[in-house]
């Protein structure tokens, strides 16, 4: 790879980073929203470095010996390793494939490492209204309340209509789950927040839906588990949220 190609590649990578961050917002498929404030200056820096390198090469050519004498003594200092071309692959993936956010394939295969129940707020969960329609809540909050309800305080959730938003994950033994992935940093560390939906037909896998229903307690005598269920009342297809992760 020539030095000019290296600089052009820097500019292309920087432009790709800025594109997915500022123009399309696809970066939210891979990292948390707060990383946008780091990606913008990083992409701009790559473009500046590449442009500065091209300008330097142009000035070096202008100042080169008109006789064309090679002062490098047989060494080619203008080339980098050929493996550097592999850096083109993520750029091509961004512009040609645009990998989507993780979905049911990941959730189904990570079922063994589902997220533990989130810790309740320091002051405890707020009381839920029992009038005025279903209460919209995150998957994490529902699972946290479900775990508390399973361990003894069912009054915080029992009988309260709730609305959950997530994507459809078919279950291996039949039925389906509404799932949302939780990530701490990037898609590589995402873990699923699944809730089994009872009483409603399954939409297509990976479809984004809003499900209205009520918490379904475990069978009498069963101890608290990592399984959380919703007795569904209605399900509605929606578009993918701009921020697909919790």
Foldseek 3Di string as FASTA:
>chain_A
DFLLVVLVLLLLVLVLLCCCLPPVVLCLLWWPNVCSVVSNVVSVVSNVVSVVSVVVVVVCVVVDDPVPDDPPVPDDPGDDDPCVCVSCVVSCCCVPPSDGHDFQVVQQVQVVPAPDQDDAPPVGDDADDQDDDAAEDELNVQLNLLLVLLQPCVNRFAPGKHKYKAFWHADPVGAIWGWAWADDTTSVRTHIRTETEPDDDGDDGGFIKIWIFGWDHDDPPDHRDSYTYGHTDDMDTDDQDSNRHD
